Amino acid sequence: MMEFVPYVGPLFAWVTAFLMVLVSPEAGIGSLVAISGLYIFFQWVEGNIMVPMVMSRTLNLSPLYILIMTLIGATLGGMIGVLISVPLASILHIFYTDWMHYRKHLPE
């Protein structure tokens, strides 16, 4: 439910779950480690597998292309680079396909 709020929502969800386990009388340190490990695992799966797959199907782009463009955006522009990397990747793909179509139909 908290995924609707980008970046802060998942962190808020983890803090809520962590505090619930922390105040539980039966929970120990193992439960706190388990809830943190599950949070990290699910965030990794979502960010590295699910989001590129959904975006690739929506934009008709390769998941690997989206992942690489997101990593490049993060490296070059930080958080802003991550936010603009997928739209920029889509724009670059459109320009590339149009250019290839234009080159194919040039008169000789």
PDB file of N, CA and C in Angstrom:
ATOM      1  N   MET A   1       0.822  -1.189   0.000  1.00  0.00           N
ATOM      2  CA  MET A   1       0.000   0.000   0.000  1.00  0.00           C
ATOM      3  C   MET A   1       0.868   1.256   0.000  1.00  0.00           C
ATOM      4  N   MET A   2       2.002   1.204   0.654  1.00  0.00           N
ATOM      5  CA  MET A   2       2.843   2.397   0.761  1.00  0.00           C
ATOM      6  C   MET A   2       3.683   2.636  -0.498  1.00  0.00           C
ATOM      7  N   GLU A   3       3.626   1.741  -1.480  1.00  0.00           N
ATOM      8  CA  GLU A   3       4.384   1.917  -2.708  1.00  0.00           C
ATOM      9  C   GLU A   3       3.872   3.088  -3.539  1.00  0.00           C
ATOM     10  N   PHE A   4       2.674   3.595  -3.218  1.00  0.00           N
ATOM     11  CA  PHE A   4       2.139   4.726  -3.961  1.00  0.00           C
ATOM     12  C   PHE A   4       2.918   6.003  -3.686  1.00  0.00           C
ATOM     13  N   VAL A   5       3.587   6.074  -2.564  1.00  0.00           N
ATOM     14  CA  VAL A   5       4.404   7.235  -2.232  1.00  0.00           C
ATOM     15  C   VAL A   5       5.850   6.859  -2.566  1.00  0.00           C
ATOM     16  N   PRO A   6       6.410   7.420  -3.641  1.00  0.00           N
ATOM     17  CA  PRO A   6       7.749   6.993  -4.064  1.00  0.00           C
ATOM     18  C   PRO A   6       8.811   7.267  -3.012  1.00  0.00           C
ATOM     19  N   TYR A   7       9.728   6.323  -2.879  1.00  0.00           N
ATOM     20  CA  TYR A   7      10.929   6.405  -2.055  1.00  0.00           C
ATOM     21  C   TYR A   7      10.661   6.476  -0.552  1.00  0.00           C
ATOM     22  N   VAL A   8       9.745   7.297  -0.105  1.00  0.00           N
ATOM     23  CA  VAL A   8       9.492   7.443   1.330  1.00  0.00           C
ATOM     24  C   VAL A   8       8.491   6.383   1.807  1.00  0.00           C
ATOM     25  N   GLY A   9       7.547   6.008   0.962  1.00  0.00           N
ATOM     26  CA  GLY A   9       6.507   5.051   1.336  1.00  0.00           C
ATOM     27  C   GLY A   9       7.051   3.713   1.789  1.00  0.00           C
ATOM     28  N   PRO A  10       7.937   3.065   0.993  1.00  0.00           N
ATOM     29  CA  PRO A  10       8.494   1.787   1.442  1.00  0.00           C
ATOM     30  C   PRO A  10       9.282   1.897   2.741  1.00  0.00           C
ATOM     31  N   LEU A  11       9.988   2.996   2.923  1.00  0.00           N
ATOM     32  CA  LEU A  11      10.730   3.196   4.171  1.00  0.00           C
ATOM     33  C   LEU A  11       9.769   3.326   5.351  1.00  0.00           C
ATOM     34  N   PHE A  12       8.678   4.057   5.159  1.00  0.00           N
ATOM     35  CA  PHE A  12       7.669   4.193   6.200  1.00  0.00           C
ATOM     36  C   PHE A  12       7.038   2.842   6.522  1.00  0.00           C
ATOM     37  N   ALA A  13       6.805   2.020   5.498  1.00  0.00           N
ATOM     38  CA  ALA A  13       6.242   0.681   5.708  1.00  0.00           C
ATOM     39  C   ALA A  13       7.203  -0.187   6.519  1.00  0.00           C
ATOM     40  N   TRP A  14       8.511  -0.090   6.223  1.00  0.00           N
ATOM     41  CA  TRP A  14       9.491  -0.879   6.983  1.00  0.00           C
ATOM     42  C   TRP A  14       9.549  -0.412   8.432  1.00  0.00           C
ATOM     43  N   VAL A  15       9.562   0.899   8.647  1.00  0.00           N
ATOM     44  CA  VAL A  15       9.612   1.420  10.014  1.00  0.00           C
ATOM     45  C   VAL A  15       8.392   0.942  10.794  1.00  0.00           C
ATOM     46  N   THR A  16       7.223   0.963  10.172  1.00  0.00           N
ATOM     47  CA  THR A  16       6.003   0.501  10.839  1.00  0.00           C
ATOM     48  C   THR A  16       6.105  -0.972  11.214  1.00  0.00           C
ATOM     49  N   ALA A  17       6.547  -1.810  10.262  1.00  0.00           N
ATOM     50  CA  ALA A  17       6.687  -3.243  10.542  1.00  0.00           C
ATOM     51  C   ALA A  17       7.747  -3.485  11.615  1.00  0.00           C
ATOM     52  N   PHE A  18       8.859  -2.760  11.539  1.00  0.00           N
ATOM     53  CA  PHE A  18       9.932  -2.913  12.514  1.00  0.00           C
ATOM     54  C   PHE A  18       9.444  -2.558  13.918  1.00  0.00           C
ATOM     55  N   LEU A  19       8.704  -1.464  14.035  1.00  0.00           N
ATOM     56  CA  LEU A  19       8.187  -1.063  15.346  1.00  0.00           C
ATOM     57  C   LEU A  19       7.155  -2.060  15.873  1.00  0.00           C
ATOM     58  N   MET A  20       6.345  -2.618  14.987  1.00  0.00           N
ATOM     59  CA  MET A  20       5.362  -3.624  15.419  1.00  0.00           C
ATOM     60  C   MET A  20       6.054  -4.860  15.978  1.00  0.00           C
ATOM     61  N   VAL A  21       7.128  -5.293  15.321  1.00  0.00           N
ATOM     62  CA  VAL A  21       7.879  -6.447  15.820  1.00  0.00           C
ATOM     63  C   VAL A  21       8.615  -6.075  17.097  1.00  0.00           C
ATOM     64  N   LEU A  22       9.108  -4.863  17.163  1.00  0.00           N
ATOM     65  CA  LEU A  22       9.874  -4.421  18.336  1.00  0.00           C
ATOM     66  C   LEU A  22       9.025  -4.411  19.602  1.00  0.00           C
ATOM     67  N   VAL A  23       7.768  -4.010  19.504  1.00  0.00           N
ATOM     68  CA  VAL A  23       6.926  -3.931  20.695  1.00  0.00           C
ATOM     69  C   VAL A  23       6.220  -5.247  21.007  1.00  0.00           C
ATOM     70  N   SER A  24       6.343  -6.225  20.112  1.00  0.00           N
ATOM     71  CA  SER A  24       5.717  -7.522  20.361  1.00  0.00           C
ATOM     72  C   SER A  24       6.468  -8.246  21.479  1.00  0.00           C
ATOM     73  N   PRO A  25       5.751  -8.780  22.480  1.00  0.00           N
ATOM     74  CA  PRO A  25       6.440  -9.428  23.603  1.00  0.00           C
ATOM     75  C   PRO A  25       7.143 -10.729  23.219  1.00  0.00           C
ATOM     76  N   GLU A  26       6.664 -11.420  22.170  1.00  0.00           N
ATOM     77  CA  GLU A  26       7.271 -12.699  21.782  1.00  0.00           C
ATOM     78  C   GLU A  26       8.461 -12.531  20.852  1.00  0.00           C
ATOM     79  N   ALA A  27       8.643 -11.350  20.284  1.00  0.00           N
ATOM     80  CA  ALA A  27       9.675 -11.151  19.265  1.00  0.00           C
ATOM     81  C   ALA A  27      11.036 -10.953  19.899  1.00  0.00           C
ATOM     82  N   GLY A  28      12.041 -11.457  19.208  1.00  0.00           N
ATOM     83  CA  GLY A  28      13.415 -11.267  19.644  1.00  0.00           C
ATOM     84  C   GLY A  28      14.219 -10.597  18.546  1.00  0.00           C
ATOM     85  N   ILE A  29      15.524 -10.655  18.718  1.00  0.00           N
ATOM     86  CA  ILE A  29      16.412 -10.032  17.729  1.00  0.00           C
ATOM     87  C   ILE A  29      16.310 -10.747  16.386  1.00  0.00           C
ATOM     88  N   GLY A  30      16.036 -12.034  16.404  1.00  0.00           N
ATOM     89  CA  GLY A  30      15.878 -12.789  15.159  1.00  0.00           C
ATOM     90  C   GLY A  30      14.706 -12.292  14.334  1.00  0.00           C
ATOM     91  N   SER A  31      13.630 -11.928  15.006  1.00  0.00           N
ATOM     92  CA  SER A  31      12.463 -11.399  14.299  1.00  0.00           C
ATOM     93  C   SER A  31      12.771 -10.042  13.670  1.00  0.00           C
ATOM     94  N   LEU A  32      13.522  -9.220  14.378  1.00  0.00           N
ATOM     95  CA  LEU A  32      13.897  -7.911  13.828  1.00  0.00           C
ATOM     96  C   LEU A  32      14.807  -8.066  12.618  1.00  0.00           C
ATOM     97  N   VAL A  33      15.740  -9.003  12.701  1.00  0.00           N
ATOM     98  CA  VAL A  33      16.624  -9.264  11.564  1.00  0.00           C
ATOM     99  C   VAL A  33      15.826  -9.844  10.405  1.00  0.00           C
ATOM    100  N   ALA A  34      14.880 -10.740  10.693  1.00  0.00           N
ATOM    101  CA  ALA A  34      14.075 -11.355   9.644  1.00  0.00           C
ATOM    102  C   ALA A  34      13.208 -10.328   8.928  1.00  0.00           C
ATOM    103  N   ILE A  35      12.573  -9.435   9.661  1.00  0.00           N
ATOM    104  CA  ILE A  35      11.716  -8.434   9.026  1.00  0.00           C
ATOM    105  C   ILE A  35      12.559  -7.467   8.194  1.00  0.00           C
ATOM    106  N   SER A  36      13.743  -7.139   8.664  1.00  0.00           N
ATOM    107  CA  SER A  36      14.629  -6.260   7.893  1.00  0.00           C
ATOM    108  C   SER A  36      15.150  -6.971   6.646  1.00  0.00           C
ATOM    109  N   GLY A  37      15.501  -8.234   6.782  1.00  0.00           N
ATOM    110  CA  GLY A  37      15.978  -9.013   5.635  1.00  0.00           C
ATOM    111  C   GLY A  37      14.899  -9.187   4.573  1.00  0.00           C
ATOM    112  N   LEU A  38      13.675  -9.475   5.011  1.00  0.00           N
ATOM    113  CA  LEU A  38      12.571  -9.591   4.057  1.00  0.00           C
ATOM    114  C   LEU A  38      12.302  -8.267   3.353  1.00  0.00           C
ATOM    115  N   TYR A  39      12.367  -7.188   4.091  1.00  0.00           N
ATOM    116  CA  TYR A  39      12.172  -5.863   3.491  1.00  0.00           C
ATOM    117  C   TYR A  39      13.219  -5.609   2.411  1.00  0.00           C
ATOM    118  N   ILE A  40      14.477  -5.864   2.724  1.00  0.00           N
ATOM    119  CA  ILE A  40      15.557  -5.644   1.751  1.00  0.00           C
ATOM    120  C   ILE A  40      15.372  -6.552   0.540  1.00  0.00           C
ATOM    121  N   PHE A  41      15.025  -7.816   0.775  1.00  0.00           N
ATOM    122  CA  PHE A  41      14.828  -8.755  -0.332  1.00  0.00           C
ATOM    123  C   PHE A  41      13.688  -8.311  -1.246  1.00  0.00           C
ATOM    124  N   PHE A  42      12.544  -7.961  -0.676  1.00  0.00           N
ATOM    125  CA  PHE A  42      11.403  -7.564  -1.494  1.00  0.00           C
ATOM    126  C   PHE A  42      11.663  -6.255  -2.242  1.00  0.00           C
ATOM    127  N   GLN A  43      12.360  -5.326  -1.617  1.00  0.00           N
ATOM    128  CA  GLN A  43      12.696  -4.089  -2.314  1.00  0.00           C
ATOM    129  C   GLN A  43      13.667  -4.357  -3.458  1.00  0.00           C
ATOM    130  N   TRP A  44      14.598  -5.283  -3.259  1.00  0.00           N
ATOM    131  CA  TRP A  44      15.531  -5.644  -4.320  1.00  0.00           C
ATOM    132  C   TRP A  44      14.799  -6.294  -5.489  1.00  0.00           C
ATOM    133  N   VAL A  45      13.902  -7.239  -5.184  1.00  0.00           N
ATOM    134  CA  VAL A  45      13.141  -7.913  -6.239  1.00  0.00           C
ATOM    135  C   VAL A  45      12.293  -6.901  -6.996  1.00  0.00           C
ATOM    136  N   GLU A  46      11.630  -6.031  -6.286  1.00  0.00           N
ATOM    137  CA  GLU A  46      10.787  -5.042  -6.947  1.00  0.00           C
ATOM    138  C   GLU A  46      11.608  -4.100  -7.819  1.00  0.00           C
ATOM    139  N   GLY A  47      12.684  -3.563  -7.277  1.00  0.00           N
ATOM    140  CA  GLY A  47      13.470  -2.575  -8.003  1.00  0.00           C
ATOM    141  C   GLY A  47      14.272  -3.131  -9.163  1.00  0.00           C
ATOM    142  N   ASN A  48      14.757  -4.360  -9.037  1.00  0.00           N
ATOM    143  CA  ASN A  48      15.641  -4.907 -10.054  1.00  0.00           C
ATOM    144  C   ASN A  48      14.988  -5.896 -11.009  1.00  0.00           C
ATOM    145  N   ILE A  49      13.831  -6.414 -10.671  1.00  0.00           N
ATOM    146  CA  ILE A  49      13.179  -7.396 -11.536  1.00  0.00           C
ATOM    147  C   ILE A  49      11.799  -6.925 -11.975  1.00  0.00           C
ATOM    148  N   MET A  50      10.931  -6.616 -11.014  1.00  0.00           N
ATOM    149  CA  MET A  50       9.544  -6.315 -11.355  1.00  0.00           C
ATOM    150  C   MET A  50       9.374  -4.987 -12.090  1.00  0.00           C
ATOM    151  N   VAL A  51       9.985  -3.925 -11.598  1.00  0.00           N
ATOM    152  CA  VAL A  51       9.819  -2.608 -12.224  1.00  0.00           C
ATOM    153  C   VAL A  51      10.370  -2.594 -13.653  1.00  0.00           C
ATOM    154  N   PRO A  52      11.589  -3.113 -13.913  1.00  0.00           N
ATOM    155  CA  PRO A  52      12.035  -3.144 -15.313  1.00  0.00           C
ATOM    156  C   PRO A  52      11.137  -3.983 -16.217  1.00  0.00           C
ATOM    157  N   MET A  53      10.586  -5.088 -15.697  1.00  0.00           N
ATOM    158  CA  MET A  53       9.696  -5.907 -16.525  1.00  0.00           C
ATOM    159  C   MET A  53       8.398  -5.178 -16.856  1.00  0.00           C
ATOM    160  N   VAL A  54       7.812  -4.526 -15.876  1.00  0.00           N
ATOM    161  CA  VAL A  54       6.567  -3.784 -16.122  1.00  0.00           C
ATOM    162  C   VAL A  54       6.817  -2.626 -17.078  1.00  0.00           C
ATOM    163  N   MET A  55       7.897  -1.899 -16.855  1.00  0.00           N
ATOM    164  CA  MET A  55       8.204  -0.782 -17.746  1.00  0.00           C
ATOM    165  C   MET A  55       8.525  -1.258 -19.154  1.00  0.00           C
ATOM    166  N   SER A  56       9.196  -2.406 -19.266  1.00  0.00           N
ATOM    167  CA  SER A  56       9.526  -2.904 -20.601  1.00  0.00           C
ATOM    168  C   SER A  56       8.269  -3.302 -21.364  1.00  0.00           C
ATOM    169  N   ARG A  57       7.309  -3.884 -20.688  1.00  0.00           N
ATOM    170  CA  ARG A  57       6.057  -4.244 -21.353  1.00  0.00           C
ATOM    171  C   ARG A  57       5.230  -3.009 -21.683  1.00  0.00           C
ATOM    172  N   THR A  58       5.266  -2.033 -20.833  1.00  0.00           N
ATOM    173  CA  THR A  58       4.504  -0.808 -21.066  1.00  0.00           C
ATOM    174  C   THR A  58       5.106   0.005 -22.204  1.00  0.00           C
ATOM    175  N   LEU A  59       6.438   0.110 -22.228  1.00  0.00           N
ATOM    176  CA  LEU A  59       7.120   0.949 -23.210  1.00  0.00           C
ATOM    177  C   LEU A  59       7.649   0.177 -24.408  1.00  0.00           C
ATOM    178  N   ASN A  60       7.480  -1.144 -24.423  1.00  0.00           N
ATOM    179  CA  ASN A  60       8.027  -2.006 -25.481  1.00  0.00           C
ATOM    180  C   ASN A  60       9.541  -1.870 -25.595  1.00  0.00           C
ATOM    181  N   LEU A  61      10.198  -1.854 -24.449  1.00  0.00           N
ATOM    182  CA  LEU A  61      11.651  -1.792 -24.391  1.00  0.00           C
ATOM    183  C   LEU A  61      12.167  -3.002 -23.624  1.00  0.00           C
ATOM    184  N   SER A  62      13.421  -3.318 -23.838  1.00  0.00           N
ATOM    185  CA  SER A  62      14.048  -4.436 -23.134  1.00  0.00           C
ATOM    186  C   SER A  62      14.220  -4.106 -21.649  1.00  0.00           C
ATOM    187  N   PRO A  63      13.949  -5.068 -20.752  1.00  0.00           N
ATOM    188  CA  PRO A  63      14.189  -4.810 -19.323  1.00  0.00           C
ATOM    189  C   PRO A  63      15.660  -4.493 -19.032  1.00  0.00           C
ATOM    190  N   LEU A  64      16.562  -5.144 -19.766  1.00  0.00           N
ATOM    191  CA  LEU A  64      17.985  -4.873 -19.580  1.00  0.00           C
ATOM    192  C   LEU A  64      18.320  -3.438 -19.974  1.00  0.00           C
ATOM    193  N   TYR A  65      17.734  -2.964 -21.073  1.00  0.00           N
ATOM    194  CA  TYR A  65      17.935  -1.582 -21.525  1.00  0.00           C
ATOM    195  C   TYR A  65      17.445  -0.599 -20.448  1.00  0.00           C
ATOM    196  N   ILE A  66      16.294  -0.865 -19.882  1.00  0.00           N
ATOM    197  CA  ILE A  66      15.749   0.015 -18.841  1.00  0.00           C
ATOM    198  C   ILE A  66      16.632  -0.009 -17.602  1.00  0.00           C
ATOM    199  N   LEU A  67      17.083  -1.202 -17.212  1.00  0.00           N
ATOM    200  CA  LEU A  67      17.944  -1.317 -16.036  1.00  0.00           C
ATOM    201  C   LEU A  67      19.259  -0.583 -16.254  1.00  0.00           C
ATOM    202  N   ILE A  68      19.858  -0.744 -17.426  1.00  0.00           N
ATOM    203  CA  ILE A  68      21.125  -0.064 -17.715  1.00  0.00           C
ATOM    204  C   ILE A  68      20.940   1.446 -17.740  1.00  0.00           C
ATOM    205  N   MET A  69      19.866   1.912 -18.379  1.00  0.00           N
ATOM    206  CA  MET A  69      19.614   3.357 -18.422  1.00  0.00           C
ATOM    207  C   MET A  69      19.355   3.923 -17.015  1.00  0.00           C
ATOM    208  N   THR A  70      18.679   3.146 -16.168  1.00  0.00           N
ATOM    209  CA  THR A  70      18.447   3.596 -14.797  1.00  0.00           C
ATOM    210  C   THR A  70      19.755   3.682 -14.023  1.00  0.00           C
ATOM    211  N   LEU A  71      20.635   2.703 -14.204  1.00  0.00           N
ATOM    212  CA  LEU A  71      21.935   2.744 -13.531  1.00  0.00           C
ATOM    213  C   LEU A  71      22.785   3.910 -14.033  1.00  0.00           C
ATOM    214  N   ILE A  72      22.750   4.161 -15.342  1.00  0.00           N
ATOM    215  CA  ILE A  72      23.486   5.298 -15.890  1.00  0.00           C
ATOM    216  C   ILE A  72      22.913   6.601 -15.336  1.00  0.00           C
ATOM    217  N   GLY A  73      21.594   6.701 -15.292  1.00  0.00           N
ATOM    218  CA  GLY A  73      20.955   7.899 -14.739  1.00  0.00           C
ATOM    219  C   GLY A  73      21.308   8.116 -13.283  1.00  0.00           C
ATOM    220  N   ALA A  74      21.363   7.026 -12.507  1.00  0.00           N
ATOM    221  CA  ALA A  74      21.724   7.144 -11.093  1.00  0.00           C
ATOM    222  C   ALA A  74      23.175   7.585 -10.932  1.00  0.00           C
ATOM    223  N   THR A  75      24.044   7.057 -11.789  1.00  0.00           N
ATOM    224  CA  THR A  75      25.458   7.409 -11.702  1.00  0.00           C
ATOM    225  C   THR A  75      25.695   8.863 -12.082  1.00  0.00           C
ATOM    226  N   LEU A  76      25.034   9.302 -13.150  1.00  0.00           N
ATOM    227  CA  LEU A  76      25.276  10.660 -13.644  1.00  0.00           C
ATOM    228  C   LEU A  76      24.477  11.732 -12.910  1.00  0.00           C
ATOM    229  N   GLY A  77      23.234  11.396 -12.523  1.00  0.00           N
ATOM    230  CA  GLY A  77      22.382  12.441 -11.976  1.00  0.00           C
ATOM    231  C   GLY A  77      21.793  12.174 -10.616  1.00  0.00           C
ATOM    232  N   GLY A  78      22.184  11.093  -9.974  1.00  0.00           N
ATOM    233  CA  GLY A  78      21.643  10.793  -8.649  1.00  0.00           C
ATOM    234  C   GLY A  78      20.156  10.490  -8.715  1.00  0.00           C
ATOM    235  N   MET A  79      19.402  11.010  -7.753  1.00  0.00           N
ATOM    236  CA  MET A  79      17.969  10.738  -7.676  1.00  0.00           C
ATOM    237  C   MET A  79      17.220  11.335  -8.870  1.00  0.00           C
ATOM    238  N   ILE A  80      17.610  12.524  -9.281  1.00  0.00           N
ATOM    239  CA  ILE A  80      16.978  13.146 -10.450  1.00  0.00           C
ATOM    240  C   ILE A  80      17.276  12.315 -11.698  1.00  0.00           C
ATOM    241  N   GLY A  81      18.480  11.801 -11.816  1.00  0.00           N
ATOM    242  CA  GLY A  81      18.854  10.958 -12.949  1.00  0.00           C
ATOM    243  C   GLY A  81      18.026   9.688 -13.018  1.00  0.00           C
ATOM    244  N   VAL A  82      17.723   9.110 -11.863  1.00  0.00           N
ATOM    245  CA  VAL A  82      16.870   7.912 -11.831  1.00  0.00           C
ATOM    246  C   VAL A  82      15.468   8.258 -12.311  1.00  0.00           C
ATOM    247  N   LEU A  83      14.959   9.400 -11.868  1.00  0.00           N
ATOM    248  CA  LEU A  83      13.601   9.781 -12.241  1.00  0.00           C
ATOM    249  C   LEU A  83      13.455  10.073 -13.731  1.00  0.00           C
ATOM    250  N   ILE A  84      14.475  10.647 -14.355  1.00  0.00           N
ATOM    251  CA  ILE A  84      14.341  11.000 -15.771  1.00  0.00           C
ATOM    252  C   ILE A  84      14.938   9.955 -16.710  1.00  0.00           C
ATOM    253  N   SER A  85      15.573   8.918 -16.171  1.00  0.00           N
ATOM    254  CA  SER A  85      16.255   7.947 -17.035  1.00  0.00           C
ATOM    255  C   SER A  85      15.289   7.144 -17.899  1.00  0.00           C
ATOM    256  N   VAL A  86      14.177   6.693 -17.368  1.00  0.00           N
ATOM    257  CA  VAL A  86      13.248   5.872 -18.160  1.00  0.00           C
ATOM    258  C   VAL A  86      12.547   6.705 -19.236  1.00  0.00           C
ATOM    259  N   PRO A  87      12.024   7.897 -18.926  1.00  0.00           N
ATOM    260  CA  PRO A  87      11.476   8.700 -20.031  1.00  0.00           C
ATOM    261  C   PRO A  87      12.530   9.050 -21.084  1.00  0.00           C
ATOM    262  N   LEU A  88      13.750   9.343 -20.647  1.00  0.00           N
ATOM    263  CA  LEU A  88      14.814   9.633 -21.593  1.00  0.00           C
ATOM    264  C   LEU A  88      15.150   8.404 -22.435  1.00  0.00           C
ATOM    265  N   ALA A  89      15.169   7.228 -21.818  1.00  0.00           N
ATOM    266  CA  ALA A  89      15.420   5.993 -22.564  1.00  0.00           C
ATOM    267  C   ALA A  89      14.341   5.765 -23.611  1.00  0.00           C
ATOM    268  N   SER A  90      13.107   6.048 -23.265  1.00  0.00           N
ATOM    269  CA  SER A  90      12.013   5.892 -24.209  1.00  0.00           C
ATOM    270  C   SER A  90      12.147   6.877 -25.366  1.00  0.00           C
ATOM    271  N   ILE A  91      12.500   8.111 -25.067  1.00  0.00           N
ATOM    272  CA  ILE A  91      12.693   9.126 -26.111  1.00  0.00           C
ATOM    273  C   ILE A  91      13.850   8.735 -27.026  1.00  0.00           C
ATOM    274  N   LEU A  92      14.959   8.283 -26.454  1.00  0.00           N
ATOM    275  CA  LEU A  92      16.094   7.850 -27.265  1.00  0.00           C
ATOM    276  C   LEU A  92      15.723   6.676 -28.163  1.00  0.00           C
ATOM    277  N   HIS A  93      14.931   5.760 -27.642  1.00  0.00           N
ATOM    278  CA  HIS A  93      14.488   4.614 -28.446  1.00  0.00           C
ATOM    279  C   HIS A  93      13.611   5.072 -29.615  1.00  0.00           C
ATOM    280  N   ILE A  94      12.725   6.009 -29.384  1.00  0.00           N
ATOM    281  CA  ILE A  94      11.874   6.536 -30.454  1.00  0.00           C
ATOM    282  C   ILE A  94      12.721   7.223 -31.518  1.00  0.00           C
ATOM    283  N   PHE A  95      13.680   8.058 -31.100  1.00  0.00           N
ATOM    284  CA  PHE A  95      14.559   8.713 -32.066  1.00  0.00           C
ATOM    285  C   PHE A  95      15.361   7.691 -32.870  1.00  0.00           C
ATOM    286  N   TYR A  96      15.860   6.670 -32.184  1.00  0.00           N
ATOM    287  CA  TYR A  96      16.657   5.647 -32.869  1.00  0.00           C
ATOM    288  C   TYR A  96      15.823   4.888 -33.903  1.00  0.00           C
ATOM    289  N   THR A  97      14.618   4.455 -33.536  1.00  0.00           N
ATOM    290  CA  THR A  97      13.791   3.706 -34.483  1.00  0.00           C
ATOM    291  C   THR A  97      13.366   4.594 -35.656  1.00  0.00           C
ATOM    292  N   ASP A  98      13.056   5.866 -35.388  1.00  0.00           N
ATOM    293  CA  ASP A  98      12.713   6.777 -36.480  1.00  0.00           C
ATOM    294  C   ASP A  98      13.906   7.007 -37.405  1.00  0.00           C
ATOM    295  N   TRP A  99      15.080   7.150 -36.839  1.00  0.00           N
ATOM    296  CA  TRP A  99      16.287   7.355 -37.632  1.00  0.00           C
ATOM    297  C   TRP A  99      16.582   6.127 -38.497  1.00  0.00           C
ATOM    298  N   MET A 100      16.453   4.937 -37.910  1.00  0.00           N
ATOM    299  CA  MET A 100      16.670   3.709 -38.688  1.00  0.00           C
ATOM    300  C   MET A 100      15.634   3.583 -39.798  1.00  0.00           C
ATOM    301  N   HIS A 101      14.403   3.943 -39.545  1.00  0.00           N
ATOM    302  CA  HIS A 101      13.354   3.910 -40.577  1.00  0.00           C
ATOM    303  C   HIS A 101      13.682   4.919 -41.679  1.00  0.00           C
ATOM    304  N   TYR A 102      14.128   6.106 -41.304  1.00  0.00           N
ATOM    305  CA  TYR A 102      14.498   7.120 -42.282  1.00  0.00           C
ATOM    306  C   TYR A 102      15.665   6.652 -43.148  1.00  0.00           C
ATOM    307  N   ARG A 103      16.686   6.077 -42.540  1.00  0.00           N
ATOM    308  CA  ARG A 103      17.850   5.592 -43.281  1.00  0.00           C
ATOM    309  C   ARG A 103      17.469   4.476 -44.238  1.00  0.00           C
ATOM    310  N   LYS A 104      16.528   3.645 -43.836  1.00  0.00           N
ATOM    311  CA  LYS A 104      16.130   2.519 -44.674  1.00  0.00           C
ATOM    312  C   LYS A 104      15.402   3.003 -45.932  1.00  0.00           C
ATOM    313  N   HIS A 105      14.715   4.121 -45.831  1.00  0.00           N
ATOM    314  CA  HIS A 105      13.911   4.596 -46.950  1.00  0.00           C
ATOM    315  C   HIS A 105      14.528   5.798 -47.675  1.00  0.00           C
ATOM    316  N   LEU A 106      15.816   5.992 -47.536  1.00  0.00           N
ATOM    317  CA  LEU A 106      16.507   7.053 -48.276  1.00  0.00           C
ATOM    318  C   LEU A 106      16.614   6.673 -49.748  1.00  0.00           C
ATOM    319  N   PRO A 107      16.400   7.632 -50.638  1.00  0.00           N
ATOM    320  CA  PRO A 107      16.611   7.323 -52.054  1.00  0.00           C
ATOM    321  C   PRO A 107      18.110   7.173 -52.354  1.00  0.00           C
ATOM    322  N   GLU A 108      18.409   6.261 -53.200  1.00  0.00           N
ATOM    323  CA  GLU A 108      19.832   6.004 -53.500  1.00  0.00           C
ATOM    324  C   GLU A 108      20.327   6.763 -54.665  1.00  0.00           C
TER     325      GLU A 108
END
